[in-house]
Amino acid sequence: MRTLDSIALVFVVIGAVNWGLIGFFRYDLVSNLFGVNTMLTRIIFAIVGICGLYAISFFGRDREVTREK
């Protein structure tokens, strides 16, 4: 499970960096690298979104570990 968590976290960070670039500089790195509205860009955005939803489960797991200690 730790491998899946690490992969999800990498994609969440990629998404956060991309949104930071959009917010600060109006520069969409993912679209710039893979094309605007291409299938690959949409797949990457979808994966980032799914990983973000999966990362919500990190909050619940942190509380469970804290209780056990």
PDB file of N, CA and C in Angstrom:
ATOM      1  N   MET A   1       0.819  -1.199   0.000  1.00  0.00           N
ATOM      2  CA  MET A   1       0.000   0.000   0.000  1.00  0.00           C
ATOM      3  C   MET A   1       0.861   1.260   0.000  1.00  0.00           C
ATOM      4  N   ARG A   2       2.044   1.176   0.561  1.00  0.00           N
ATOM      5  CA  ARG A   2       2.898   2.363   0.599  1.00  0.00           C
ATOM      6  C   ARG A   2       3.321   2.812  -0.805  1.00  0.00           C
ATOM      7  N   THR A   3       3.485   1.875  -1.723  1.00  0.00           N
ATOM      8  CA  THR A   3       3.854   2.241  -3.088  1.00  0.00           C
ATOM      9  C   THR A   3       2.735   3.040  -3.745  1.00  0.00           C
ATOM     10  N   LEU A   4       1.510   2.571  -3.578  1.00  0.00           N
ATOM     11  CA  LEU A   4       0.362   3.288  -4.139  1.00  0.00           C
ATOM     12  C   LEU A   4       0.246   4.674  -3.509  1.00  0.00           C
ATOM     13  N   ASP A   5       0.473   4.772  -2.200  1.00  0.00           N
ATOM     14  CA  ASP A   5       0.438   6.065  -1.517  1.00  0.00           C
ATOM     15  C   ASP A   5       1.491   7.014  -2.079  1.00  0.00           C
ATOM     16  N   SER A   6       2.685   6.500  -2.318  1.00  0.00           N
ATOM     17  CA  SER A   6       3.767   7.332  -2.855  1.00  0.00           C
ATOM     18  C   SER A   6       3.454   7.818  -4.265  1.00  0.00           C
ATOM     19  N   ILE A   7       2.926   6.932  -5.088  1.00  0.00           N
ATOM     20  CA  ILE A   7       2.558   7.312  -6.459  1.00  0.00           C
ATOM     21  C   ILE A   7       1.463   8.377  -6.427  1.00  0.00           C
ATOM     22  N   ALA A   8       0.464   8.172  -5.577  1.00  0.00           N
ATOM     23  CA  ALA A   8      -0.615   9.155  -5.467  1.00  0.00           C
ATOM     24  C   ALA A   8      -0.076  10.498  -4.997  1.00  0.00           C
ATOM     25  N   LEU A   9       0.827  10.468  -4.032  1.00  0.00           N
ATOM     26  CA  LEU A   9       1.395  11.712  -3.523  1.00  0.00           C
ATOM     27  C   LEU A   9       2.198  12.444  -4.587  1.00  0.00           C
ATOM     28  N   VAL A  10       2.926  11.725  -5.419  1.00  0.00           N
ATOM     29  CA  VAL A  10       3.679  12.351  -6.516  1.00  0.00           C
ATOM     30  C   VAL A  10       2.723  13.064  -7.467  1.00  0.00           C
ATOM     31  N   PHE A  11       1.630  12.411  -7.820  1.00  0.00           N
ATOM     32  CA  PHE A  11       0.671  13.038  -8.729  1.00  0.00           C
ATOM     33  C   PHE A  11      -0.026  14.235  -8.084  1.00  0.00           C
ATOM     34  N   VAL A  12      -0.291  14.158  -6.794  1.00  0.00           N
ATOM     35  CA  VAL A  12      -0.900  15.297  -6.096  1.00  0.00           C
ATOM     36  C   VAL A  12       0.065  16.485  -6.097  1.00  0.00           C
ATOM     37  N   VAL A  13       1.340  16.227  -5.887  1.00  0.00           N
ATOM     38  CA  VAL A  13       2.332  17.304  -5.915  1.00  0.00           C
ATOM     39  C   VAL A  13       2.449  17.890  -7.318  1.00  0.00           C
ATOM     40  N   ILE A  14       2.444  17.046  -8.335  1.00  0.00           N
ATOM     41  CA  ILE A  14       2.478  17.535  -9.718  1.00  0.00           C
ATOM     42  C   ILE A  14       1.278  18.448  -9.975  1.00  0.00           C
ATOM     43  N   GLY A  15       0.109  18.031  -9.519  1.00  0.00           N
ATOM     44  CA  GLY A  15      -1.084  18.852  -9.686  1.00  0.00           C
ATOM     45  C   GLY A  15      -0.981  20.169  -8.939  1.00  0.00           C
ATOM     46  N   ALA A  16      -0.442  20.123  -7.729  1.00  0.00           N
ATOM     47  CA  ALA A  16      -0.297  21.348  -6.935  1.00  0.00           C
ATOM     48  C   ALA A  16       0.681  22.319  -7.587  1.00  0.00           C
ATOM     49  N   VAL A  17       1.785  21.798  -8.091  1.00  0.00           N
ATOM     50  CA  VAL A  17       2.758  22.657  -8.774  1.00  0.00           C
ATOM     51  C   VAL A  17       2.133  23.261 -10.025  1.00  0.00           C
ATOM     52  N   ASN A  18       1.398  22.450 -10.770  1.00  0.00           N
ATOM     53  CA  ASN A  18       0.750  22.955 -11.985  1.00  0.00           C
ATOM     54  C   ASN A  18      -0.240  24.064 -11.645  1.00  0.00           C
ATOM     55  N   TRP A  19      -1.070  23.851 -10.600  1.00  0.00           N
ATOM     56  CA  TRP A  19      -2.031  24.886 -10.206  1.00  0.00           C
ATOM     57  C   TRP A  19      -1.327  26.129  -9.677  1.00  0.00           C
ATOM     58  N   GLY A  20      -0.212  25.958  -8.989  1.00  0.00           N
ATOM     59  CA  GLY A  20       0.559  27.118  -8.543  1.00  0.00           C
ATOM     60  C   GLY A  20       1.077  27.925  -9.722  1.00  0.00           C
ATOM     61  N   LEU A  21       1.584  27.228 -10.732  1.00  0.00           N
ATOM     62  CA  LEU A  21       2.066  27.923 -11.932  1.00  0.00           C
ATOM     63  C   LEU A  21       0.926  28.648 -12.646  1.00  0.00           C
ATOM     64  N   ILE A  22      -0.236  28.011 -12.698  1.00  0.00           N
ATOM     65  CA  ILE A  22      -1.387  28.663 -13.325  1.00  0.00           C
ATOM     66  C   ILE A  22      -1.788  29.901 -12.532  1.00  0.00           C
ATOM     67  N   GLY A  23      -1.834  29.772 -11.226  1.00  0.00           N
ATOM     68  CA  GLY A  23      -2.259  30.883 -10.383  1.00  0.00           C
ATOM     69  C   GLY A  23      -1.305  32.059 -10.388  1.00  0.00           C
ATOM     70  N   PHE A  24      -0.015  31.779 -10.304  1.00  0.00           N
ATOM     71  CA  PHE A  24       0.967  32.852 -10.224  1.00  0.00           C
ATOM     72  C   PHE A  24       1.376  33.420 -11.580  1.00  0.00           C
ATOM     73  N   PHE A  25       1.493  32.548 -12.571  1.00  0.00           N
ATOM     74  CA  PHE A  25       2.081  32.977 -13.847  1.00  0.00           C
ATOM     75  C   PHE A  25       1.199  32.741 -15.072  1.00  0.00           C
ATOM     76  N   ARG A  26      -0.009  32.196 -14.864  1.00  0.00           N
ATOM     77  CA  ARG A  26      -0.893  31.848 -15.984  1.00  0.00           C
ATOM     78  C   ARG A  26      -0.192  30.915 -16.980  1.00  0.00           C
ATOM     79  N   TYR A  27       0.539  29.951 -16.420  1.00  0.00           N
ATOM     80  CA  TYR A  27       1.308  29.009 -17.234  1.00  0.00           C
ATOM     81  C   TYR A  27       0.887  27.591 -16.862  1.00  0.00           C
ATOM     82  N   ASP A  28       0.282  26.878 -17.796  1.00  0.00           N
ATOM     83  CA  ASP A  28      -0.168  25.504 -17.574  1.00  0.00           C
ATOM     84  C   ASP A  28       0.919  24.559 -18.096  1.00  0.00           C
ATOM     85  N   LEU A  29       1.714  24.031 -17.188  1.00  0.00           N
ATOM     86  CA  LEU A  29       2.855  23.187 -17.554  1.00  0.00           C
ATOM     87  C   LEU A  29       2.405  21.909 -18.249  1.00  0.00           C
ATOM     88  N   VAL A  30       1.397  21.258 -17.724  1.00  0.00           N
ATOM     89  CA  VAL A  30       0.945  19.985 -18.310  1.00  0.00           C
ATOM     90  C   VAL A  30       0.442  20.191 -19.742  1.00  0.00           C
ATOM     91  N   SER A  31      -0.375  21.201 -19.949  1.00  0.00           N
ATOM     92  CA  SER A  31      -0.874  21.468 -21.304  1.00  0.00           C
ATOM     93  C   SER A  31       0.250  21.909 -22.235  1.00  0.00           C
ATOM     94  N   ASN A  32       1.216  22.614 -21.678  1.00  0.00           N
ATOM     95  CA  ASN A  32       2.335  23.058 -22.494  1.00  0.00           C
ATOM     96  C   ASN A  32       3.215  21.882 -22.922  1.00  0.00           C
ATOM     97  N   LEU A  33       3.378  20.890 -22.039  1.00  0.00           N
ATOM     98  CA  LEU A  33       4.216  19.733 -22.373  1.00  0.00           C
ATOM     99  C   LEU A  33       3.513  18.743 -23.298  1.00  0.00           C
ATOM    100  N   PHE A  34       2.212  18.532 -23.067  1.00  0.00           N
ATOM    101  CA  PHE A  34       1.511  17.460 -23.768  1.00  0.00           C
ATOM    102  C   PHE A  34       0.436  17.941 -24.732  1.00  0.00           C
ATOM    103  N   GLY A  35       0.256  19.256 -24.856  1.00  0.00           N
ATOM    104  CA  GLY A  35      -0.722  19.803 -25.786  1.00  0.00           C
ATOM    105  C   GLY A  35      -2.002  20.207 -25.084  1.00  0.00           C
ATOM    106  N   VAL A  36      -2.654  21.204 -25.649  1.00  0.00           N
ATOM    107  CA  VAL A  36      -3.893  21.716 -25.074  1.00  0.00           C
ATOM    108  C   VAL A  36      -5.045  20.805 -25.491  1.00  0.00           C
ATOM    109  N   ASN A  37      -5.767  20.292 -24.497  1.00  0.00           N
ATOM    110  CA  ASN A  37      -6.933  19.425 -24.702  1.00  0.00           C
ATOM    111  C   ASN A  37      -6.646  18.178 -25.527  1.00  0.00           C
ATOM    112  N   THR A  38      -5.432  17.649 -25.443  1.00  0.00           N
ATOM    113  CA  THR A  38      -5.164  16.364 -26.082  1.00  0.00           C
ATOM    114  C   THR A  38      -5.640  15.259 -25.151  1.00  0.00           C
ATOM    115  N   MET A  39      -5.748  14.070 -25.679  1.00  0.00           N
ATOM    116  CA  MET A  39      -6.185  12.938 -24.873  1.00  0.00           C
ATOM    117  C   MET A  39      -5.199  12.682 -23.734  1.00  0.00           C
ATOM    118  N   LEU A  40      -3.915  12.787 -24.002  1.00  0.00           N
ATOM    119  CA  LEU A  40      -2.896  12.549 -22.975  1.00  0.00           C
ATOM    120  C   LEU A  40      -3.004  13.573 -21.847  1.00  0.00           C
ATOM    121  N   THR A  41      -3.218  14.821 -22.185  1.00  0.00           N
ATOM    122  CA  THR A  41      -3.377  15.867 -21.167  1.00  0.00           C
ATOM    123  C   THR A  41      -4.600  15.591 -20.315  1.00  0.00           C
ATOM    124  N   ARG A  42      -5.682  15.210 -20.929  1.00  0.00           N
ATOM    125  CA  ARG A  42      -6.906  14.913 -20.181  1.00  0.00           C
ATOM    126  C   ARG A  42      -6.712  13.706 -19.280  1.00  0.00           C
ATOM    127  N   ILE A  43      -5.969  12.710 -19.745  1.00  0.00           N
ATOM    128  CA  ILE A  43      -5.687  11.521 -18.921  1.00  0.00           C
ATOM    129  C   ILE A  43      -4.844  11.919 -17.712  1.00  0.00           C
ATOM    130  N   ILE A  44      -3.829  12.745 -17.919  1.00  0.00           N
ATOM    131  CA  ILE A  44      -2.986  13.197 -16.806  1.00  0.00           C
ATOM    132  C   ILE A  44      -3.811  13.971 -15.793  1.00  0.00           C
ATOM    133  N   PHE A  45      -4.657  14.883 -16.249  1.00  0.00           N
ATOM    134  CA  PHE A  45      -5.518  15.633 -15.335  1.00  0.00           C
ATOM    135  C   PHE A  45      -6.464  14.693 -14.580  1.00  0.00           C
ATOM    136  N   ALA A  46      -6.987  13.687 -15.257  1.00  0.00           N
ATOM    137  CA  ALA A  46      -7.882  12.730 -14.602  1.00  0.00           C
ATOM    138  C   ALA A  46      -7.142  11.922 -13.539  1.00  0.00           C
ATOM    139  N   ILE A  47      -5.924  11.486 -13.850  1.00  0.00           N
ATOM    140  CA  ILE A  47      -5.117  10.730 -12.883  1.00  0.00           C
ATOM    141  C   ILE A  47      -4.804  11.592 -11.669  1.00  0.00           C
ATOM    142  N   VAL A  48      -4.444  12.857 -11.904  1.00  0.00           N
ATOM    143  CA  VAL A  48      -4.158  13.774 -10.792  1.00  0.00           C
ATOM    144  C   VAL A  48      -5.402  13.940  -9.924  1.00  0.00           C
ATOM    145  N   GLY A  49      -6.555  14.072 -10.542  1.00  0.00           N
ATOM    146  CA  GLY A  49      -7.799  14.207  -9.790  1.00  0.00           C
ATOM    147  C   GLY A  49      -8.126  12.968  -8.967  1.00  0.00           C
ATOM    148  N   ILE A  50      -7.965  11.808  -9.557  1.00  0.00           N
ATOM    149  CA  ILE A  50      -8.223  10.553  -8.843  1.00  0.00           C
ATOM    150  C   ILE A  50      -7.247  10.395  -7.684  1.00  0.00           C
ATOM    151  N   CYS A  51      -5.985  10.733  -7.919  1.00  0.00           N
ATOM    152  CA  CYS A  51      -4.987  10.643  -6.851  1.00  0.00           C
ATOM    153  C   CYS A  51      -5.286  11.637  -5.728  1.00  0.00           C
ATOM    154  N   GLY A  52      -5.798  12.801  -6.085  1.00  0.00           N
ATOM    155  CA  GLY A  52      -6.192  13.770  -5.065  1.00  0.00           C
ATOM    156  C   GLY A  52      -7.322  13.231  -4.206  1.00  0.00           C
ATOM    157  N   LEU A  53      -8.301  12.597  -4.832  1.00  0.00           N
ATOM    158  CA  LEU A  53      -9.393  11.991  -4.068  1.00  0.00           C
ATOM    159  C   LEU A  53      -8.885  10.857  -3.185  1.00  0.00           C
ATOM    160  N   TYR A  54      -7.980  10.056  -3.723  1.00  0.00           N
ATOM    161  CA  TYR A  54      -7.387   8.966  -2.942  1.00  0.00           C
ATOM    162  C   TYR A  54      -6.596   9.517  -1.758  1.00  0.00           C
ATOM    163  N   ALA A  55      -5.916  10.645  -1.954  1.00  0.00           N
ATOM    164  CA  ALA A  55      -5.087  11.232  -0.900  1.00  0.00           C
ATOM    165  C   ALA A  55      -5.923  11.716   0.283  1.00  0.00           C
ATOM    166  N   ILE A  56      -7.206  11.931   0.090  1.00  0.00           N
ATOM    167  CA  ILE A  56      -8.068  12.304   1.203  1.00  0.00           C
ATOM    168  C   ILE A  56      -8.040  11.216   2.277  1.00  0.00           C
ATOM    169  N   SER A  57      -7.864   9.975   1.856  1.00  0.00           N
ATOM    170  CA  SER A  57      -7.823   8.869   2.821  1.00  0.00           C
ATOM    171  C   SER A  57      -6.611   8.956   3.747  1.00  0.00           C
ATOM    172  N   PHE A  58      -5.590   9.730   3.377  1.00  0.00           N
ATOM    173  CA  PHE A  58      -4.410   9.890   4.238  1.00  0.00           C
ATOM    174  C   PHE A  58      -4.805  10.496   5.575  1.00  0.00           C
ATOM    175  N   PHE A  59      -5.772  11.396   5.580  1.00  0.00           N
ATOM    176  CA  PHE A  59      -6.196  12.042   6.817  1.00  0.00           C
ATOM    177  C   PHE A  59      -6.754  11.027   7.803  1.00  0.00           C
ATOM    178  N   GLY A  60      -7.596  10.128   7.339  1.00  0.00           N
ATOM    179  CA  GLY A  60      -8.177   9.109   8.206  1.00  0.00           C
ATOM    180  C   GLY A  60      -7.145   8.138   8.731  1.00  0.00           C
ATOM    181  N   ARG A  61      -6.172   7.797   7.900  1.00  0.00           N
ATOM    182  CA  ARG A  61      -5.134   6.860   8.320  1.00  0.00           C
ATOM    183  C   ARG A  61      -4.203   7.483   9.346  1.00  0.00           C
ATOM    184  N   ASP A  62      -3.929   8.773   9.246  1.00  0.00           N
ATOM    185  CA  ASP A  62      -3.076   9.431  10.229  1.00  0.00           C
ATOM    186  C   ASP A  62      -3.723   9.405  11.609  1.00  0.00           C
ATOM    187  N   ARG A  63      -5.005   9.601  11.659  1.00  0.00           N
ATOM    188  CA  ARG A  63      -5.710   9.576  12.941  1.00  0.00           C
ATOM    189  C   ARG A  63      -5.719   8.183  13.541  1.00  0.00           C
ATOM    190  N   GLU A  64      -5.853   7.153  12.700  1.00  0.00           N
ATOM    191  CA  GLU A  64      -5.852   5.783  13.198  1.00  0.00           C
ATOM    192  C   GLU A  64      -4.499   5.423  13.786  1.00  0.00           C
ATOM    193  N   VAL A  65      -3.414   5.839  13.143  1.00  0.00           N
ATOM    194  CA  VAL A  65      -2.075   5.542  13.637  1.00  0.00           C
ATOM    195  C   VAL A  65      -1.839   6.264  14.955  1.00  0.00           C
ATOM    196  N   THR A  66      -2.297   7.498  15.081  1.00  0.00           N
ATOM    197  CA  THR A  66      -2.124   8.272  16.303  1.00  0.00           C
ATOM    198  C   THR A  66      -2.843   7.610  17.471  1.00  0.00           C
ATOM    199  N   ARG A  67      -4.024   7.065  17.248  1.00  0.00           N
ATOM    200  CA  ARG A  67      -4.787   6.416  18.305  1.00  0.00           C
ATOM    201  C   ARG A  67      -4.091   5.164  18.816  1.00  0.00           C
ATOM    202  N   GLU A  68      -3.427   4.418  17.907  1.00  0.00           N
ATOM    203  CA  GLU A  68      -2.781   3.166  18.288  1.00  0.00           C
ATOM    204  C   GLU A  68      -1.555   3.399  19.163  1.00  0.00           C
ATOM    205  N   LYS A  69      -0.900   4.509  19.015  1.00  0.00           N
ATOM    206  CA  LYS A  69       0.304   4.796  19.795  1.00  0.00           C
ATOM    207  C   LYS A  69      -0.113   5.183  21.165  1.00  0.00           C
TER     208      LYS A  69
END
